[in-house]
Amino acid sequence: MSMWWSLHLRREAASVPLARRFLLGTMETAGVDPDVSYDLSVALSEACANAVEHGGGHDDADETGHDRAGHACGQYRVTAYLDGEKCRIEVADSGPGFPVRRTLRAAARPGAGHSADQQPSAAGHSVDQQPSAVGPAADAWPARTTVHPPETAESGRGLGLIEELADHVHFGNRPGRGAVVSFDKILKWREGALLMVS
């Protein structure tokens, strides 16, 4: 058995703990190991906080609450998929998207041990820099890297934290529709977990 859910949330600070609690409740009910649930909930909180802060603005909206392209402003979407092996979470917003970097880390260059579409994070996890299936063809996207802030910075660590907590991470842009952060984590289950029994 597998399950999924999707939330459409306003870009307000109160939506972040709401999404986190919804995920934790789902994981508890399904019987996911609490440590895995905690890691995913922290990663989700960071992705949601990023969408709230950078995911678009009311300044771009017309009187109907939509931007010039007809997309809803001031909100973002969280979708989670759980199956017997992993959980995938996607957070999509209607903001300007991720900035494009023209350079690759040395480790991600072809011939350096990794393909051009995957980059190792600090923890050795795979970080997919190509667009999601909802975007254009993969070869249309320039490479991106997560920029790590200076140690004295008061913000800017959220995407790096997601990389550390998840097994596979994807940062992408949807032209005219904003940014997409998706991440996977292999699940561990408690004894007698509902999702594994069925």
N, C-alpha and C. Protein backbone atom coordinates (compact mmCIF):
# COMPACT_ATOMS: atom_id res chain seq x y z
N MET A 1 0.84 -1.18 0.00
CA MET A 1 0.00 0.00 0.00
C MET A 1 0.89 1.24 0.00
N SER A 2 0.42 2.28 -0.62
CA SER A 2 1.10 3.56 -0.58
C SER A 2 0.06 4.64 -0.34
N MET A 3 0.53 5.83 0.02
CA MET A 3 -0.38 6.94 0.25
C MET A 3 0.28 8.24 -0.14
N TRP A 4 -0.55 9.23 -0.46
CA TRP A 4 -0.03 10.54 -0.78
C TRP A 4 -1.05 11.59 -0.36
N TRP A 5 -0.56 12.80 -0.18
CA TRP A 5 -1.43 13.94 0.11
C TRP A 5 -0.80 15.21 -0.43
N SER A 6 -1.64 16.21 -0.63
CA SER A 6 -1.17 17.49 -1.14
C SER A 6 -1.88 18.61 -0.40
N LEU A 7 -1.12 19.60 0.03
CA LEU A 7 -1.67 20.78 0.72
C LEU A 7 -1.37 22.02 -0.11
N HIS A 8 -2.34 22.90 -0.22
CA HIS A 8 -2.14 24.21 -0.82
C HIS A 8 -2.20 25.20 0.34
N LEU A 9 -1.09 25.87 0.60
CA LEU A 9 -0.96 26.70 1.79
C LEU A 9 -0.67 28.15 1.42
N ARG A 10 -1.13 29.05 2.28
CA ARG A 10 -0.79 30.46 2.11
C ARG A 10 0.65 30.69 2.53
N ARG A 11 1.28 31.66 1.91
CA ARG A 11 2.66 32.00 2.25
C ARG A 11 2.66 32.82 3.53
N GLU A 12 2.37 32.15 4.62
CA GLU A 12 2.36 32.75 5.95
C GLU A 12 3.18 31.85 6.87
N ALA A 13 3.81 32.48 7.86
CA ALA A 13 4.67 31.72 8.77
C ALA A 13 3.91 30.58 9.46
N ALA A 14 2.63 30.76 9.75
CA ALA A 14 1.85 29.73 10.43
C ALA A 14 1.67 28.47 9.60
N SER A 15 1.88 28.55 8.29
CA SER A 15 1.72 27.37 7.44
C SER A 15 2.85 26.37 7.62
N VAL A 16 4.02 26.83 8.08
CA VAL A 16 5.18 25.95 8.21
C VAL A 16 4.93 24.87 9.28
N PRO A 17 4.57 25.25 10.52
CA PRO A 17 4.29 24.19 11.50
C PRO A 17 3.06 23.35 11.14
N LEU A 18 2.11 23.93 10.42
CA LEU A 18 0.94 23.16 9.99
C LEU A 18 1.37 22.02 9.06
N ALA A 19 2.20 22.33 8.07
CA ALA A 19 2.68 21.30 7.15
C ALA A 19 3.50 20.25 7.89
N ARG A 20 4.37 20.71 8.82
CA ARG A 20 5.20 19.78 9.58
C ARG A 20 4.34 18.84 10.42
N ARG A 21 3.33 19.37 11.10
CA ARG A 21 2.46 18.52 11.93
C ARG A 21 1.67 17.53 11.08
N PHE A 22 1.23 17.98 9.91
CA PHE A 22 0.49 17.09 9.01
C PHE A 22 1.38 15.92 8.60
N LEU A 23 2.63 16.22 8.24
CA LEU A 23 3.57 15.16 7.86
C LEU A 23 3.85 14.22 9.04
N LEU A 24 4.12 14.77 10.20
CA LEU A 24 4.41 13.94 11.37
C LEU A 24 3.22 13.05 11.73
N GLY A 25 2.00 13.58 11.62
CA GLY A 25 0.80 12.78 11.89
C GLY A 25 0.65 11.64 10.91
N THR A 26 0.92 11.91 9.64
CA THR A 26 0.86 10.87 8.62
C THR A 26 1.89 9.78 8.89
N MET A 27 3.12 10.21 9.21
CA MET A 27 4.20 9.25 9.47
C MET A 27 3.89 8.39 10.70
N GLU A 28 3.38 9.03 11.74
CA GLU A 28 3.02 8.29 12.97
C GLU A 28 1.95 7.25 12.67
N THR A 29 0.91 7.66 11.96
CA THR A 29 -0.19 6.75 11.62
C THR A 29 0.30 5.59 10.76
N ALA A 30 1.18 5.87 9.81
CA ALA A 30 1.68 4.82 8.91
C ALA A 30 2.67 3.90 9.60
N GLY A 31 3.31 4.36 10.69
CA GLY A 31 4.26 3.51 11.40
C GLY A 31 5.71 3.73 11.01
N VAL A 32 6.04 4.93 10.51
CA VAL A 32 7.41 5.24 10.14
C VAL A 32 8.25 5.44 11.40
N ASP A 33 9.50 5.00 11.35
CA ASP A 33 10.43 5.18 12.45
C ASP A 33 10.51 6.66 12.84
N PRO A 34 10.44 6.99 14.15
CA PRO A 34 10.44 8.39 14.58
C PRO A 34 11.67 9.20 14.16
N ASP A 35 12.84 8.58 14.08
CA ASP A 35 14.03 9.31 13.66
C ASP A 35 13.93 9.76 12.20
N VAL A 36 13.42 8.89 11.34
CA VAL A 36 13.23 9.23 9.94
C VAL A 36 12.16 10.32 9.81
N SER A 37 11.08 10.17 10.57
CA SER A 37 10.01 11.17 10.57
C SER A 37 10.54 12.53 10.97
N TYR A 38 11.39 12.57 11.99
CA TYR A 38 11.94 13.83 12.46
C TYR A 38 12.81 14.48 11.38
N ASP A 39 13.70 13.70 10.75
CA ASP A 39 14.55 14.24 9.68
C ASP A 39 13.71 14.84 8.57
N LEU A 40 12.68 14.10 8.13
CA LEU A 40 11.83 14.60 7.06
C LEU A 40 11.05 15.84 7.48
N SER A 41 10.62 15.89 8.73
CA SER A 41 9.86 17.06 9.19
C SER A 41 10.73 18.31 9.25
N VAL A 42 12.00 18.16 9.63
CA VAL A 42 12.91 19.32 9.64
C VAL A 42 13.18 19.78 8.20
N ALA A 43 13.43 18.82 7.30
CA ALA A 43 13.67 19.17 5.89
C ALA A 43 12.44 19.86 5.30
N LEU A 44 11.25 19.34 5.60
CA LEU A 44 10.02 19.97 5.11
C LEU A 44 9.87 21.38 5.66
N SER A 45 10.16 21.56 6.95
CA SER A 45 10.06 22.90 7.55
C SER A 45 10.96 23.89 6.83
N GLU A 46 12.17 23.46 6.50
CA GLU A 46 13.11 24.35 5.79
C GLU A 46 12.61 24.68 4.38
N ALA A 47 12.09 23.68 3.67
CA ALA A 47 11.57 23.92 2.33
C ALA A 47 10.36 24.85 2.36
N CYS A 48 9.48 24.65 3.34
CA CYS A 48 8.31 25.52 3.47
C CYS A 48 8.71 26.94 3.86
N ALA A 49 9.66 27.08 4.78
CA ALA A 49 10.13 28.40 5.17
C ALA A 49 10.73 29.13 3.98
N ASN A 50 11.43 28.41 3.11
CA ASN A 50 11.99 29.00 1.90
C ASN A 50 10.87 29.48 0.97
N ALA A 51 9.82 28.68 0.82
CA ALA A 51 8.69 29.07 -0.03
C ALA A 51 7.96 30.29 0.55
N VAL A 52 7.82 30.34 1.86
CA VAL A 52 7.16 31.47 2.50
C VAL A 52 7.96 32.75 2.28
N GLU A 53 9.27 32.65 2.42
CA GLU A 53 10.11 33.84 2.31
C GLU A 53 10.35 34.27 0.87
N HIS A 54 10.55 33.31 -0.04
CA HIS A 54 10.98 33.64 -1.40
C HIS A 54 9.98 33.25 -2.48
N GLY A 55 8.85 32.67 -2.13
CA GLY A 55 7.96 32.04 -3.11
C GLY A 55 7.02 32.92 -3.88
N GLY A 56 7.22 34.19 -3.96
CA GLY A 56 6.32 35.08 -4.69
C GLY A 56 5.84 36.16 -3.76
N GLY A 57 5.04 37.04 -4.24
CA GLY A 57 4.58 38.11 -3.37
C GLY A 57 3.25 38.65 -3.79
N HIS A 58 2.57 39.26 -2.83
CA HIS A 58 1.28 39.87 -3.11
C HIS A 58 1.45 41.07 -4.04
N ASP A 59 2.66 41.65 -4.10
CA ASP A 59 2.89 42.80 -4.98
C ASP A 59 2.71 42.43 -6.45
N ASP A 60 2.92 41.16 -6.78
CA ASP A 60 2.81 40.72 -8.17
C ASP A 60 1.39 40.33 -8.54
N ALA A 61 0.49 40.27 -7.58
CA ALA A 61 -0.86 39.78 -7.83
C ALA A 61 -1.78 40.89 -8.31
N ASP A 62 -2.76 40.49 -9.13
CA ASP A 62 -3.80 41.43 -9.53
C ASP A 62 -4.95 41.34 -8.53
N GLU A 63 -6.08 41.96 -8.83
CA GLU A 63 -7.20 41.98 -7.88
C GLU A 63 -7.81 40.61 -7.64
N THR A 64 -7.54 39.62 -8.50
CA THR A 64 -8.07 38.27 -8.30
C THR A 64 -7.13 37.39 -7.49
N GLY A 65 -5.93 37.92 -7.14
CA GLY A 65 -4.96 37.11 -6.41
C GLY A 65 -4.08 36.27 -7.32
N HIS A 66 -4.07 36.56 -8.61
CA HIS A 66 -3.27 35.82 -9.58
C HIS A 66 -2.24 36.74 -10.21
N ASP A 67 -1.12 36.17 -10.69
CA ASP A 67 -0.11 36.96 -11.38
C ASP A 67 -0.50 37.14 -12.84
N ARG A 68 0.37 37.79 -13.61
CA ARG A 68 0.08 38.08 -15.01
C ARG A 68 -0.14 36.81 -15.82
N ALA A 69 0.49 35.71 -15.44
CA ALA A 69 0.34 34.45 -16.17
C ALA A 69 -0.86 33.64 -15.71
N GLY A 70 -1.60 34.14 -14.72
CA GLY A 70 -2.79 33.45 -14.23
C GLY A 70 -2.53 32.49 -13.09
N HIS A 71 -1.31 32.46 -12.54
CA HIS A 71 -0.98 31.57 -11.43
C HIS A 71 -1.29 32.24 -10.11
N ALA A 72 -1.75 31.47 -9.15
CA ALA A 72 -2.09 32.02 -7.84
C ALA A 72 -0.84 32.52 -7.13
N CYS A 73 -0.92 33.71 -6.56
CA CYS A 73 0.19 34.28 -5.80
C CYS A 73 -0.10 34.11 -4.32
N GLY A 74 0.93 34.22 -3.51
CA GLY A 74 0.74 34.18 -2.07
C GLY A 74 0.45 32.81 -1.53
N GLN A 75 0.72 31.76 -2.29
CA GLN A 75 0.52 30.41 -1.79
C GLN A 75 1.57 29.47 -2.38
N TYR A 76 1.67 28.30 -1.77
CA TYR A 76 2.58 27.27 -2.25
C TYR A 76 1.95 25.92 -2.02
N ARG A 77 2.54 24.88 -2.62
CA ARG A 77 1.97 23.53 -2.54
C ARG A 77 2.99 22.57 -1.94
N VAL A 78 2.53 21.72 -1.04
CA VAL A 78 3.34 20.66 -0.46
C VAL A 78 2.68 19.34 -0.82
N THR A 79 3.45 18.42 -1.40
CA THR A 79 2.94 17.10 -1.74
C THR A 79 3.88 16.05 -1.16
N ALA A 80 3.32 15.02 -0.56
CA ALA A 80 4.12 13.94 0.02
C ALA A 80 3.60 12.60 -0.49
N TYR A 81 4.53 11.70 -0.85
CA TYR A 81 4.22 10.35 -1.32
C TYR A 81 4.95 9.38 -0.40
N LEU A 82 4.24 8.43 0.18
CA LEU A 82 4.85 7.38 0.99
C LEU A 82 4.53 6.04 0.35
N ASP A 83 5.55 5.20 0.24
CA ASP A 83 5.31 3.83 -0.18
C ASP A 83 6.13 2.93 0.72
N GLY A 84 6.26 1.67 0.38
CA GLY A 84 6.97 0.74 1.24
C GLY A 84 8.45 0.99 1.38
N GLU A 85 9.04 1.78 0.50
CA GLU A 85 10.48 1.98 0.52
C GLU A 85 10.92 3.39 0.87
N LYS A 86 10.19 4.40 0.39
CA LYS A 86 10.67 5.76 0.59
C LYS A 86 9.53 6.75 0.68
N CYS A 87 9.90 7.94 1.09
CA CYS A 87 8.99 9.08 1.10
C CYS A 87 9.58 10.14 0.20
N ARG A 88 8.77 10.70 -0.66
CA ARG A 88 9.18 11.84 -1.50
C ARG A 88 8.30 13.02 -1.14
N ILE A 89 8.94 14.15 -0.91
CA ILE A 89 8.23 15.38 -0.58
C ILE A 89 8.61 16.43 -1.61
N GLU A 90 7.61 17.17 -2.07
CA GLU A 90 7.84 18.25 -3.03
C GLU A 90 7.17 19.51 -2.53
N VAL A 91 7.91 20.62 -2.56
CA VAL A 91 7.39 21.93 -2.19
C VAL A 91 7.57 22.83 -3.41
N ALA A 92 6.46 23.34 -3.94
CA ALA A 92 6.49 24.17 -5.14
C ALA A 92 5.87 25.52 -4.83
N ASP A 93 6.52 26.60 -5.29
CA ASP A 93 5.99 27.94 -5.06
C ASP A 93 5.84 28.69 -6.37
N SER A 94 5.38 29.93 -6.28
CA SER A 94 5.17 30.75 -7.48
C SER A 94 6.11 31.94 -7.51
N GLY A 95 7.27 31.81 -6.88
CA GLY A 95 8.23 32.91 -6.82
C GLY A 95 9.16 32.96 -8.01
N PRO A 96 10.25 33.70 -7.89
CA PRO A 96 11.18 33.87 -9.00
C PRO A 96 12.04 32.64 -9.29
N GLY A 97 12.06 31.67 -8.42
CA GLY A 97 12.86 30.47 -8.63
C GLY A 97 14.26 30.63 -8.07
N PHE A 98 15.06 29.58 -8.27
CA PHE A 98 16.44 29.58 -7.77
C PHE A 98 17.34 30.33 -8.73
N PRO A 99 18.32 31.07 -8.21
CA PRO A 99 19.27 31.73 -9.11
C PRO A 99 20.13 30.69 -9.82
N VAL A 100 20.50 30.99 -11.03
CA VAL A 100 21.30 30.07 -11.84
C VAL A 100 22.76 30.39 -11.63
N ARG A 101 23.55 29.35 -11.39
CA ARG A 101 25.01 29.52 -11.26
C ARG A 101 25.64 28.94 -12.50
N ARG A 102 26.62 29.61 -13.04
CA ARG A 102 27.26 29.18 -14.28
C ARG A 102 28.43 28.23 -14.05
N THR A 103 28.85 28.04 -12.82
CA THR A 103 29.99 27.18 -12.56
C THR A 103 29.57 25.95 -11.78
N LEU A 104 30.30 24.90 -11.97
CA LEU A 104 30.07 23.65 -11.25
C LEU A 104 31.17 23.44 -10.23
N ARG A 105 30.83 22.78 -9.16
CA ARG A 105 31.89 22.34 -8.25
C ARG A 105 32.77 21.35 -8.99
N ALA A 106 34.03 21.34 -8.64
CA ALA A 106 34.98 20.45 -9.32
C ALA A 106 34.52 19.01 -9.28
N ALA A 107 33.95 18.58 -8.18
CA ALA A 107 33.52 17.19 -8.03
C ALA A 107 32.38 16.84 -8.96
N ALA A 108 31.64 17.83 -9.46
CA ALA A 108 30.48 17.55 -10.30
C ALA A 108 30.81 17.63 -11.77
N ARG A 109 32.02 18.03 -12.12
CA ARG A 109 32.39 18.10 -13.54
C ARG A 109 32.53 16.69 -14.11
N PRO A 110 32.14 16.51 -15.37
CA PRO A 110 32.30 15.19 -15.98
C PRO A 110 33.74 14.70 -15.85
N GLY A 111 33.88 13.43 -15.51
CA GLY A 111 35.21 12.86 -15.35
C GLY A 111 35.73 12.96 -13.93
N ALA A 112 34.98 13.61 -13.03
CA ALA A 112 35.43 13.74 -11.65
C ALA A 112 34.73 12.75 -10.74
N GLY A 113 34.07 11.75 -11.30
CA GLY A 113 33.45 10.71 -10.48
C GLY A 113 31.96 10.85 -10.32
N HIS A 114 31.36 11.92 -10.83
CA HIS A 114 29.92 12.11 -10.74
C HIS A 114 29.42 12.56 -12.09
N SER A 115 28.17 12.19 -12.41
CA SER A 115 27.60 12.67 -13.66
C SER A 115 27.29 14.14 -13.55
N ALA A 116 27.09 14.80 -14.66
CA ALA A 116 26.84 16.24 -14.67
C ALA A 116 25.51 16.60 -14.03
N ASP A 117 24.58 15.64 -13.92
CA ASP A 117 23.29 15.98 -13.34
C ASP A 117 23.18 15.62 -11.87
N GLN A 118 24.24 15.13 -11.26
CA GLN A 118 24.22 14.87 -9.84
C GLN A 118 25.46 15.44 -9.21
N GLN A 119 25.28 16.04 -8.03
CA GLN A 119 26.39 16.61 -7.31
C GLN A 119 26.37 16.06 -5.89
N PRO A 120 27.53 15.76 -5.33
CA PRO A 120 27.54 15.26 -3.96
C PRO A 120 27.31 16.40 -2.99
N SER A 121 26.53 16.14 -1.96
CA SER A 121 26.40 17.12 -0.89
C SER A 121 27.52 16.86 0.10
N ALA A 122 27.58 17.67 1.13
CA ALA A 122 28.63 17.50 2.13
C ALA A 122 28.55 16.14 2.80
N ALA A 123 27.36 15.56 2.86
CA ALA A 123 27.20 14.26 3.50
C ALA A 123 27.32 13.11 2.51
N GLY A 124 27.59 13.42 1.24
CA GLY A 124 27.75 12.38 0.24
C GLY A 124 26.46 11.97 -0.43
N HIS A 125 25.35 12.64 -0.13
CA HIS A 125 24.08 12.33 -0.76
C HIS A 125 24.06 12.91 -2.16
N SER A 126 23.21 12.36 -2.99
CA SER A 126 23.08 12.86 -4.35
C SER A 126 22.19 14.09 -4.38
N VAL A 127 22.65 15.13 -5.06
CA VAL A 127 21.87 16.35 -5.21
C VAL A 127 21.61 16.55 -6.69
N ASP A 128 20.38 16.33 -7.10
CA ASP A 128 19.99 16.42 -8.50
C ASP A 128 19.78 17.88 -8.85
N GLN A 129 20.50 18.35 -9.85
CA GLN A 129 20.42 19.75 -10.24
C GLN A 129 19.60 19.97 -11.50
N GLN A 130 18.95 18.94 -11.99
CA GLN A 130 18.16 19.07 -13.20
C GLN A 130 16.71 19.34 -12.84
N PRO A 131 15.90 19.79 -13.80
CA PRO A 131 14.50 20.09 -13.51
C PRO A 131 13.71 18.83 -13.25
N SER A 132 12.58 19.00 -12.57
CA SER A 132 11.70 17.86 -12.31
C SER A 132 10.94 17.50 -13.58
N ALA A 133 10.20 16.43 -13.50
CA ALA A 133 9.47 15.96 -14.67
C ALA A 133 8.44 16.98 -15.15
N VAL A 134 8.03 17.90 -14.27
CA VAL A 134 7.05 18.90 -14.67
C VAL A 134 7.68 20.03 -15.46
N GLY A 135 9.00 20.09 -15.53
CA GLY A 135 9.69 21.17 -16.23
C GLY A 135 10.08 20.74 -17.64
N PRO A 136 10.85 21.58 -18.34
CA PRO A 136 11.30 21.25 -19.69
C PRO A 136 12.38 20.19 -19.68
N ALA A 137 12.85 19.84 -20.84
CA ALA A 137 13.86 18.79 -20.98
C ALA A 137 15.10 19.12 -20.16
N ALA A 138 15.74 18.09 -19.63
CA ALA A 138 16.87 18.27 -18.72
C ALA A 138 18.01 19.04 -19.36
N ASP A 139 18.24 18.89 -20.66
CA ASP A 139 19.36 19.58 -21.27
C ASP A 139 19.13 21.08 -21.43
N ALA A 140 17.93 21.55 -21.13
CA ALA A 140 17.63 22.97 -21.25
C ALA A 140 18.02 23.74 -19.99
N TRP A 141 18.48 23.04 -18.95
CA TRP A 141 18.75 23.68 -17.67
C TRP A 141 20.23 23.80 -17.42
N PRO A 142 20.71 24.99 -17.05
CA PRO A 142 22.10 25.13 -16.63
C PRO A 142 22.29 24.53 -15.24
N ALA A 143 23.51 24.22 -14.90
CA ALA A 143 23.81 23.62 -13.60
C ALA A 143 23.60 24.62 -12.47
N ARG A 144 23.20 24.11 -11.31
CA ARG A 144 23.04 24.94 -10.12
C ARG A 144 23.81 24.29 -8.99
N THR A 145 24.22 25.09 -8.04
CA THR A 145 24.82 24.55 -6.83
C THR A 145 24.24 25.29 -5.65
N THR A 146 24.17 24.61 -4.52
CA THR A 146 23.72 25.25 -3.31
C THR A 146 24.84 26.14 -2.80
N VAL A 147 24.51 27.38 -2.54
CA VAL A 147 25.49 28.32 -2.03
C VAL A 147 25.44 28.28 -0.51
N HIS A 148 26.56 27.99 0.11
CA HIS A 148 26.60 27.93 1.56
C HIS A 148 26.98 29.31 2.11
N PRO A 149 26.21 29.83 3.06
CA PRO A 149 26.46 31.17 3.58
C PRO A 149 27.68 31.20 4.49
N PRO A 150 28.21 32.41 4.73
CA PRO A 150 29.32 32.52 5.69
C PRO A 150 28.85 32.06 7.08
N GLU A 151 29.80 31.64 7.90
CA GLU A 151 29.45 31.13 9.23
C GLU A 151 28.73 32.16 10.08
N THR A 152 28.97 33.44 9.84
CA THR A 152 28.34 34.49 10.64
C THR A 152 26.96 34.90 10.13
N ALA A 153 26.52 34.36 8.98
CA ALA A 153 25.22 34.72 8.42
C ALA A 153 24.09 34.23 9.31
N GLU A 154 23.02 35.01 9.39
CA GLU A 154 21.87 34.65 10.22
C GLU A 154 20.83 33.83 9.48
N SER A 155 20.98 33.67 8.17
CA SER A 155 20.05 32.86 7.39
C SER A 155 20.79 32.24 6.20
N GLY A 156 20.08 31.44 5.42
CA GLY A 156 20.67 30.88 4.21
C GLY A 156 21.17 29.46 4.33
N ARG A 157 20.84 28.78 5.42
CA ARG A 157 21.32 27.40 5.60
C ARG A 157 20.27 26.34 5.31
N GLY A 158 19.06 26.73 5.00
CA GLY A 158 17.95 25.79 4.85
C GLY A 158 18.15 24.76 3.77
N LEU A 159 18.59 25.17 2.58
CA LEU A 159 18.75 24.21 1.49
C LEU A 159 19.89 23.23 1.78
N GLY A 160 20.95 23.72 2.41
CA GLY A 160 22.04 22.84 2.80
C GLY A 160 21.59 21.82 3.84
N LEU A 161 20.72 22.25 4.76
CA LEU A 161 20.19 21.34 5.78
C LEU A 161 19.33 20.25 5.13
N ILE A 162 18.54 20.63 4.14
CA ILE A 162 17.74 19.63 3.41
C ILE A 162 18.66 18.60 2.77
N GLU A 163 19.76 19.06 2.17
CA GLU A 163 20.73 18.14 1.56
C GLU A 163 21.27 17.15 2.58
N GLU A 164 21.52 17.62 3.80
CA GLU A 164 22.09 16.76 4.83
C GLU A 164 21.07 15.73 5.35
N LEU A 165 19.80 16.08 5.39
CA LEU A 165 18.78 15.23 6.00
C LEU A 165 18.15 14.23 5.03
N ALA A 166 18.20 14.51 3.73
CA ALA A 166 17.54 13.65 2.75
C ALA A 166 18.57 12.79 2.02
N ASP A 167 18.09 11.74 1.36
CA ASP A 167 18.96 10.86 0.60
C ASP A 167 19.17 11.37 -0.82
N HIS A 168 18.20 12.03 -1.39
CA HIS A 168 18.30 12.58 -2.74
C HIS A 168 17.53 13.89 -2.75
N VAL A 169 18.13 14.94 -3.31
CA VAL A 169 17.52 16.27 -3.31
C VAL A 169 17.51 16.82 -4.73
N HIS A 170 16.45 17.51 -5.06
CA HIS A 170 16.33 18.16 -6.37
C HIS A 170 15.89 19.61 -6.15
N PHE A 171 16.65 20.57 -6.70
CA PHE A 171 16.27 21.98 -6.71
C PHE A 171 16.02 22.33 -8.17
N GLY A 172 14.85 22.80 -8.50
CA GLY A 172 14.55 23.12 -9.88
C GLY A 172 13.66 24.34 -10.01
N ASN A 173 13.57 24.85 -11.23
CA ASN A 173 12.71 25.97 -11.54
C ASN A 173 11.70 25.56 -12.59
N ARG A 174 10.51 26.09 -12.48
CA ARG A 174 9.48 25.91 -13.49
C ARG A 174 9.27 27.27 -14.13
N PRO A 175 9.59 27.45 -15.39
CA PRO A 175 9.48 28.76 -16.02
C PRO A 175 8.11 29.38 -15.81
N GLY A 176 8.08 30.58 -15.26
CA GLY A 176 6.84 31.29 -15.02
C GLY A 176 6.06 30.80 -13.83
N ARG A 177 6.57 29.78 -13.13
CA ARG A 177 5.80 29.20 -12.03
C ARG A 177 6.57 29.11 -10.72
N GLY A 178 7.83 29.44 -10.67
CA GLY A 178 8.57 29.43 -9.42
C GLY A 178 9.50 28.26 -9.24
N ALA A 179 9.85 28.02 -7.99
CA ALA A 179 10.83 27.01 -7.62
C ALA A 179 10.15 25.72 -7.15
N VAL A 180 10.89 24.62 -7.29
CA VAL A 180 10.45 23.32 -6.79
C VAL A 180 11.62 22.72 -6.01
N VAL A 181 11.35 22.33 -4.77
CA VAL A 181 12.31 21.57 -3.97
C VAL A 181 11.68 20.21 -3.74
N SER A 182 12.35 19.15 -4.16
CA SER A 182 11.85 17.81 -3.86
C SER A 182 12.98 16.99 -3.26
N PHE A 183 12.62 16.13 -2.34
CA PHE A 183 13.63 15.31 -1.68
C PHE A 183 13.02 13.97 -1.28
N ASP A 184 13.88 12.95 -1.29
CA ASP A 184 13.50 11.58 -0.95
C ASP A 184 14.28 11.12 0.27
N LYS A 185 13.68 10.21 1.01
CA LYS A 185 14.39 9.55 2.10
C LYS A 185 13.88 8.11 2.17
N ILE A 186 14.83 7.19 2.28
CA ILE A 186 14.47 5.78 2.47
C ILE A 186 13.85 5.64 3.86
N LEU A 187 12.73 4.92 3.92
CA LEU A 187 11.98 4.79 5.16
C LEU A 187 12.41 3.58 5.98
N LYS A 188 12.34 3.73 7.27
CA LYS A 188 12.46 2.62 8.22
C LYS A 188 11.11 2.56 8.93
N TRP A 189 10.71 1.34 9.29
CA TRP A 189 9.38 1.16 9.84
C TRP A 189 9.42 0.60 11.25
N ARG A 190 8.44 0.97 12.05
CA ARG A 190 8.24 0.35 13.36
C ARG A 190 7.63 -1.02 13.16
N GLU A 191 7.79 -1.87 14.13
CA GLU A 191 7.20 -3.22 14.07
C GLU A 191 5.67 -3.09 13.97
N GLY A 192 5.06 -3.83 13.02
CA GLY A 192 3.62 -3.81 12.83
C GLY A 192 3.09 -2.56 12.17
N ALA A 193 3.92 -1.84 11.44
CA ALA A 193 3.52 -0.60 10.79
C ALA A 193 2.37 -0.85 9.82
N LEU A 194 1.37 0.02 9.84
CA LEU A 194 0.18 -0.15 9.02
C LEU A 194 0.50 -0.22 7.54
N LEU A 195 1.36 0.62 7.06
CA LEU A 195 1.66 0.66 5.63
C LEU A 195 2.36 -0.61 5.17
N MET A 196 3.10 -1.26 6.06
CA MET A 196 3.81 -2.49 5.69
C MET A 196 2.94 -3.73 5.86
N VAL A 197 1.93 -3.67 6.73
CA VAL A 197 1.07 -4.82 6.97
C VAL A 197 0.14 -5.07 5.79
N SER A 198 -0.38 -4.00 5.20
CA SER A 198 -1.37 -4.12 4.13
C SER A 198 -0.79 -4.68 2.86
